[in-house]
């Protein structure tokens, strides 16, 4: 149950930070899928997620 709460909170925080992260290039890497349907923008940042996961893994290993 704790991991579900953690994932939900991470999703809320990352969604709120999405405009700022997009300025840094997160969400615009090759492998990230963006499309517009009915006036709404949908984003599936597969490559960015893999990159951030690797970065967090390396930080966790160093700590």
PDB file of N, CA and C in Angstrom:
ATOM      1  N   UNK A   1       0.817  -1.192   0.000  1.00  0.00           N
ATOM      2  CA  UNK A   1       0.000   0.000   0.000  1.00  0.00           C
ATOM      3  C   UNK A   1       0.865   1.262   0.000  1.00  0.00           C
ATOM      4  N   UNK A   2       2.013   1.187   0.687  1.00  0.00           N
ATOM      5  CA  UNK A   2       2.885   2.352   0.767  1.00  0.00           C
ATOM      6  C   UNK A   2       3.435   2.731  -0.608  1.00  0.00           C
ATOM      7  N   UNK A   3       3.775   1.726  -1.429  1.00  0.00           N
ATOM      8  CA  UNK A   3       4.326   2.028  -2.757  1.00  0.00           C
ATOM      9  C   UNK A   3       3.287   2.695  -3.641  1.00  0.00           C
ATOM     10  N   UNK A   4       2.023   2.341  -3.461  1.00  0.00           N
ATOM     11  CA  UNK A   4       0.953   2.960  -4.246  1.00  0.00           C
ATOM     12  C   UNK A   4       0.825   4.447  -3.902  1.00  0.00           C
ATOM     13  N   UNK A   5       0.890   4.774  -2.629  1.00  0.00           N
ATOM     14  CA  UNK A   5       0.839   6.163  -2.194  1.00  0.00           C
ATOM     15  C   UNK A   5       2.061   6.927  -2.710  1.00  0.00           C
ATOM     16  N   UNK A   6       3.217   6.292  -2.657  1.00  0.00           N
ATOM     17  CA  UNK A   6       4.446   6.918  -3.149  1.00  0.00           C
ATOM     18  C   UNK A   6       4.353   7.197  -4.642  1.00  0.00           C
ATOM     19  N   UNK A   7       3.869   6.251  -5.403  1.00  0.00           N
ATOM     20  CA  UNK A   7       3.726   6.433  -6.850  1.00  0.00           C
ATOM     21  C   UNK A   7       2.715   7.537  -7.162  1.00  0.00           C
ATOM     22  N   UNK A   8       1.621   7.594  -6.416  1.00  0.00           N
ATOM     23  CA  UNK A   8       0.614   8.630  -6.630  1.00  0.00           C
ATOM     24  C   UNK A   8       1.199  10.012  -6.352  1.00  0.00           C
ATOM     25  N   UNK A   9       1.906  10.152  -5.240  1.00  0.00           N
ATOM     26  CA  UNK A   9       2.509  11.441  -4.904  1.00  0.00           C
ATOM     27  C   UNK A   9       3.564  11.844  -5.929  1.00  0.00           C
ATOM     28  N   UNK A  10       4.367  10.887  -6.391  1.00  0.00           N
ATOM     29  CA  UNK A  10       5.367  11.187  -7.417  1.00  0.00           C
ATOM     30  C   UNK A  10       4.695  11.644  -8.707  1.00  0.00           C
ATOM     31  N   UNK A  11       3.607  11.015  -9.082  1.00  0.00           N
ATOM     32  CA  UNK A  11       2.875  11.403 -10.285  1.00  0.00           C
ATOM     33  C   UNK A  11       2.315  12.814 -10.155  1.00  0.00           C
ATOM     34  N   UNK A  12       1.772  13.152  -9.004  1.00  0.00           N
ATOM     35  CA  UNK A  12       1.227  14.497  -8.782  1.00  0.00           C
ATOM     36  C   UNK A  12       2.342  15.537  -8.869  1.00  0.00           C
ATOM     37  N   UNK A  13       3.475  15.273  -8.219  1.00  0.00           N
ATOM     38  CA  UNK A  13       4.590  16.230  -8.224  1.00  0.00           C
ATOM     39  C   UNK A  13       5.154  16.391  -9.629  1.00  0.00           C
ATOM     40  N   UNK A  14       5.381  15.291 -10.335  1.00  0.00           N
ATOM     41  CA  UNK A  14       5.943  15.374 -11.680  1.00  0.00           C
ATOM     42  C   UNK A  14       4.988  16.036 -12.660  1.00  0.00           C
ATOM     43  N   UNK A  15       3.703  15.830 -12.491  1.00  0.00           N
ATOM     44  CA  UNK A  15       2.726  16.495 -13.351  1.00  0.00           C
ATOM     45  C   UNK A  15       2.749  18.000 -13.112  1.00  0.00           C
ATOM     46  N   UNK A  16       2.879  18.402 -11.858  1.00  0.00           N
ATOM     47  CA  UNK A  16       2.937  19.827 -11.541  1.00  0.00           C
ATOM     48  C   UNK A  16       4.224  20.465 -12.072  1.00  0.00           C
ATOM     49  N   UNK A  17       5.310  19.700 -12.089  1.00  0.00           N
ATOM     50  CA  UNK A  17       6.601  20.221 -12.543  1.00  0.00           C
ATOM     51  C   UNK A  17       6.825  20.057 -14.048  1.00  0.00           C
ATOM     52  N   UNK A  18       5.866  19.508 -14.757  1.00  0.00           N
ATOM     53  CA  UNK A  18       6.043  19.209 -16.176  1.00  0.00           C
ATOM     54  C   UNK A  18       6.429  20.423 -17.024  1.00  0.00           C
ATOM     55  N   UNK A  19       5.815  21.604 -16.863  1.00  0.00           N
ATOM     56  CA  UNK A  19       6.254  22.748 -17.687  1.00  0.00           C
ATOM     57  C   UNK A  19       7.719  23.123 -17.437  1.00  0.00           C
ATOM     58  N   UNK A  20       8.148  23.079 -16.196  1.00  0.00           N
ATOM     59  CA  UNK A  20       9.532  23.401 -15.861  1.00  0.00           C
ATOM     60  C   UNK A  20      10.488  22.335 -16.394  1.00  0.00           C
ATOM     61  N   UNK A  21      10.108  21.068 -16.257  1.00  0.00           N
ATOM     62  CA  UNK A  21      10.953  19.980 -16.757  1.00  0.00           C
ATOM     63  C   UNK A  21      11.055  20.011 -18.277  1.00  0.00           C
ATOM     64  N   UNK A  22       9.993  20.433 -18.942  1.00  0.00           N
ATOM     65  CA  UNK A  22      10.003  20.511 -20.407  1.00  0.00           C
ATOM     66  C   UNK A  22      11.018  21.550 -20.883  1.00  0.00           C
ATOM     67  N   UNK A  23      11.179  22.632 -20.124  1.00  0.00           N
ATOM     68  CA  UNK A  23      12.188  23.640 -20.464  1.00  0.00           C
ATOM     69  C   UNK A  23      13.599  23.073 -20.364  1.00  0.00           C
ATOM     70  N   UNK A  24      13.786  22.083 -19.481  1.00  0.00           N
ATOM     71  CA  UNK A  24      15.092  21.433 -19.327  1.00  0.00           C
ATOM     72  C   UNK A  24      15.324  20.340 -20.368  1.00  0.00           C
ATOM     73  N   UNK A  25      14.307  20.013 -21.148  1.00  0.00           N
ATOM     74  CA  UNK A  25      14.441  19.002 -22.188  1.00  0.00           C
ATOM     75  C   UNK A  25      13.831  17.665 -21.821  1.00  0.00           C
ATOM     76  N   UNK A  26      13.356  17.529 -20.587  1.00  0.00           N
ATOM     77  CA  UNK A  26      12.716  16.280 -20.178  1.00  0.00           C
ATOM     78  C   UNK A  26      11.334  16.235 -20.824  1.00  0.00           C
ATOM     79  N   UNK A  27      11.060  15.196 -21.573  1.00  0.00           N
ATOM     80  CA  UNK A  27       9.793  15.077 -22.287  1.00  0.00           C
ATOM     81  C   UNK A  27       9.934  15.356 -23.764  1.00  0.00           C
ATOM     82  N   UNK A  28      11.132  15.753 -24.183  1.00  0.00           N
ATOM     83  CA  UNK A  28      11.363  16.036 -25.605  1.00  0.00           C
ATOM     84  C   UNK A  28      12.509  15.208 -26.154  1.00  0.00           C
ATOM     85  N   UNK A  29      12.853  14.124 -25.465  1.00  0.00           N
ATOM     86  CA  UNK A  29      13.929  13.251 -25.922  1.00  0.00           C
ATOM     87  C   UNK A  29      13.412  12.309 -27.005  1.00  0.00           C
ATOM     88  N   UNK A  30      14.331  11.781 -27.840  1.00  0.00           N
ATOM     89  CA  UNK A  30      13.895  10.748 -28.786  1.00  0.00           C
ATOM     90  C   UNK A  30      13.356   9.547 -28.000  1.00  0.00           C
ATOM     91  N   UNK A  31      12.207   9.088 -28.323  1.00  0.00           N
ATOM     92  CA  UNK A  31      11.569   8.006 -27.591  1.00  0.00           C
ATOM     93  C   UNK A  31      10.398   8.484 -26.755  1.00  0.00           C
ATOM     94  N   UNK A  32      10.260   9.798 -26.602  1.00  0.00           N
ATOM     95  CA  UNK A  32       9.106  10.375 -25.919  1.00  0.00           C
ATOM     96  C   UNK A  32       8.009  10.611 -26.953  1.00  0.00           C
ATOM     97  N   UNK A  33       6.792  10.221 -26.621  1.00  0.00           N
ATOM     98  CA  UNK A  33       5.674  10.332 -27.550  1.00  0.00           C
ATOM     99  C   UNK A  33       4.750  11.453 -27.090  1.00  0.00           C
ATOM    100  N   UNK A  34       4.501  12.412 -27.972  1.00  0.00           N
ATOM    101  CA  UNK A  34       3.583  13.521 -27.704  1.00  0.00           C
ATOM    102  C   UNK A  34       2.593  13.614 -28.856  1.00  0.00           C
ATOM    103  N   UNK A  35       1.315  13.732 -28.527  1.00  0.00           N
ATOM    104  CA  UNK A  35       0.319  13.925 -29.576  1.00  0.00           C
ATOM    105  C   UNK A  35      -0.855  14.706 -29.026  1.00  0.00           C
ATOM    106  N   UNK A  36      -1.646  15.256 -29.928  1.00  0.00           N
ATOM    107  CA  UNK A  36      -2.792  16.091 -29.577  1.00  0.00           C
ATOM    108  C   UNK A  36      -4.058  15.460 -30.157  1.00  0.00           C
ATOM    109  N   UNK A  37      -5.053  15.275 -29.302  1.00  0.00           N
ATOM    110  CA  UNK A  37      -6.345  14.745 -29.721  1.00  0.00           C
ATOM    111  C   UNK A  37      -7.431  15.636 -29.131  1.00  0.00           C
ATOM    112  N   UNK A  38      -8.256  16.176 -29.975  1.00  0.00           N
ATOM    113  CA  UNK A  38      -9.381  16.974 -29.515  1.00  0.00           C
ATOM    114  C   UNK A  38      -8.980  18.216 -28.726  1.00  0.00           C
ATOM    115  N   UNK A  39      -7.859  18.797 -29.068  1.00  0.00           N
ATOM    116  CA  UNK A  39      -7.419  20.006 -28.383  1.00  0.00           C
ATOM    117  C   UNK A  39      -6.659  19.757 -27.096  1.00  0.00           C
ATOM    118  N   UNK A  40      -6.459  18.507 -26.708  1.00  0.00           N
ATOM    119  CA  UNK A  40      -5.706  18.179 -25.492  1.00  0.00           C
ATOM    120  C   UNK A  40      -4.374  17.573 -25.870  1.00  0.00           C
ATOM    121  N   UNK A  41      -3.354  17.943 -25.136  1.00  0.00           N
ATOM    122  CA  UNK A  41      -1.993  17.425 -25.364  1.00  0.00           C
ATOM    123  C   UNK A  41      -1.771  16.212 -24.470  1.00  0.00           C
ATOM    124  N   UNK A  42      -1.342  15.107 -25.068  1.00  0.00           N
ATOM    125  CA  UNK A  42      -1.017  13.898 -24.331  1.00  0.00           C
ATOM    126  C   UNK A  42       0.461  13.616 -24.501  1.00  0.00           C
ATOM    127  N   UNK A  43       1.107  13.258 -23.400  1.00  0.00           N
ATOM    128  CA  UNK A  43       2.536  13.024 -23.424  1.00  0.00           C
ATOM    129  C   UNK A  43       2.847  11.693 -22.748  1.00  0.00           C
ATOM    130  N   UNK A  44       3.656  10.884 -23.401  1.00  0.00           N
ATOM    131  CA  UNK A  44       4.135   9.622 -22.849  1.00  0.00           C
ATOM    132  C   UNK A  44       5.658   9.636 -22.920  1.00  0.00           C
ATOM    133  N   UNK A  45       6.308  10.134 -21.861  1.00  0.00           N
ATOM    134  CA  UNK A  45       7.769  10.315 -21.894  1.00  0.00           C
ATOM    135  C   UNK A  45       8.530   9.034 -21.541  1.00  0.00           C
ATOM    136  N   UNK A  46       8.557   8.086 -22.460  1.00  0.00           N
ATOM    137  CA  UNK A  46       9.210   6.811 -22.198  1.00  0.00           C
ATOM    138  C   UNK A  46      10.714   6.966 -21.995  1.00  0.00           C
ATOM    139  N   UNK A  47      11.388   7.675 -22.877  1.00  0.00           N
ATOM    140  CA  UNK A  47      12.839   7.844 -22.777  1.00  0.00           C
ATOM    141  C   UNK A  47      13.207   8.704 -21.565  1.00  0.00           C
ATOM    142  N   UNK A  48      12.451   9.735 -21.310  1.00  0.00           N
ATOM    143  CA  UNK A  48      12.724  10.589 -20.158  1.00  0.00           C
ATOM    144  C   UNK A  48      12.548   9.820 -18.852  1.00  0.00           C
ATOM    145  N   UNK A  49      11.554   8.966 -18.790  1.00  0.00           N
ATOM    146  CA  UNK A  49      11.331   8.151 -17.603  1.00  0.00           C
ATOM    147  C   UNK A  49      12.499   7.206 -17.369  1.00  0.00           C
ATOM    148  N   UNK A  50      12.982   6.585 -18.435  1.00  0.00           N
ATOM    149  CA  UNK A  50      14.133   5.689 -18.300  1.00  0.00           C
ATOM    150  C   UNK A  50      15.374   6.454 -17.845  1.00  0.00           C
ATOM    151  N   UNK A  51      15.590   7.637 -18.393  1.00  0.00           N
ATOM    152  CA  UNK A  51      16.737   8.453 -18.014  1.00  0.00           C
ATOM    153  C   UNK A  51      16.651   8.898 -16.554  1.00  0.00           C
ATOM    154  N   UNK A  52      15.490   9.369 -16.130  1.00  0.00           N
ATOM    155  CA  UNK A  52      15.325   9.792 -14.743  1.00  0.00           C
ATOM    156  C   UNK A  52      15.428   8.616 -13.780  1.00  0.00           C
ATOM    157  N   UNK A  53      14.938   7.453 -14.171  1.00  0.00           N
ATOM    158  CA  UNK A  53      15.055   6.264 -13.328  1.00  0.00           C
ATOM    159  C   UNK A  53      16.515   5.868 -13.149  1.00  0.00           C
ATOM    160  N   UNK A  54      17.277   5.918 -14.223  1.00  0.00           N
ATOM    161  CA  UNK A  54      18.696   5.604 -14.144  1.00  0.00           C
ATOM    162  C   UNK A  54      19.420   6.607 -13.248  1.00  0.00           C
ATOM    163  N   UNK A  55      19.104   7.872 -13.394  1.00  0.00           N
ATOM    164  CA  UNK A  55      19.715   8.909 -12.572  1.00  0.00           C
ATOM    165  C   UNK A  55      19.392   8.708 -11.096  1.00  0.00           C
ATOM    166  N   UNK A  56      18.139   8.424 -10.784  1.00  0.00           N
ATOM    167  CA  UNK A  56      17.752   8.187  -9.394  1.00  0.00           C
ATOM    168  C   UNK A  56      18.408   6.932  -8.829  1.00  0.00           C
ATOM    169  N   UNK A  57      18.558   5.902  -9.642  1.00  0.00           N
ATOM    170  CA  UNK A  57      19.229   4.692  -9.219  1.00  0.00           C
ATOM    171  C   UNK A  57      20.686   4.975  -8.859  1.00  0.00           C
ATOM    172  N   UNK A  58      21.355   5.745  -9.715  1.00  0.00           N
ATOM    173  CA  UNK A  58      22.757   6.072  -9.449  1.00  0.00           C
ATOM    174  C   UNK A  58      22.904   6.925  -8.195  1.00  0.00           C
ATOM    175  N   UNK A  59      22.003   7.860  -7.984  1.00  0.00           N
ATOM    176  CA  UNK A  59      22.049   8.690  -6.780  1.00  0.00           C
ATOM    177  C   UNK A  59      21.810   7.819  -5.538  1.00  0.00           C
ATOM    178  N   UNK A  60      20.871   6.898  -5.617  1.00  0.00           N
ATOM    179  CA  UNK A  60      20.576   6.023  -4.485  1.00  0.00           C
ATOM    180  C   UNK A  60      21.760   5.112  -4.172  1.00  0.00           C
ATOM    181  N   UNK A  61      22.468   4.651  -5.194  1.00  0.00           N
ATOM    182  CA  UNK A  61      23.631   3.795  -4.977  1.00  0.00           C
ATOM    183  C   UNK A  61      24.777   4.555  -4.321  1.00  0.00           C
ATOM    184  N   UNK A  62      24.897   5.852  -4.610  1.00  0.00           N
ATOM    185  CA  UNK A  62      25.959   6.655  -4.026  1.00  0.00           C
ATOM    186  C   UNK A  62      25.673   7.017  -2.568  1.00  0.00           C
ATOM    187  N   UNK A  63      24.406   7.092  -2.228  1.00  0.00           N
ATOM    188  CA  UNK A  63      24.025   7.440  -0.849  1.00  0.00           C
ATOM    189  C   UNK A  63      24.026   6.227  -0.032  1.00  0.00           C
TER     190      UNK A  63
END
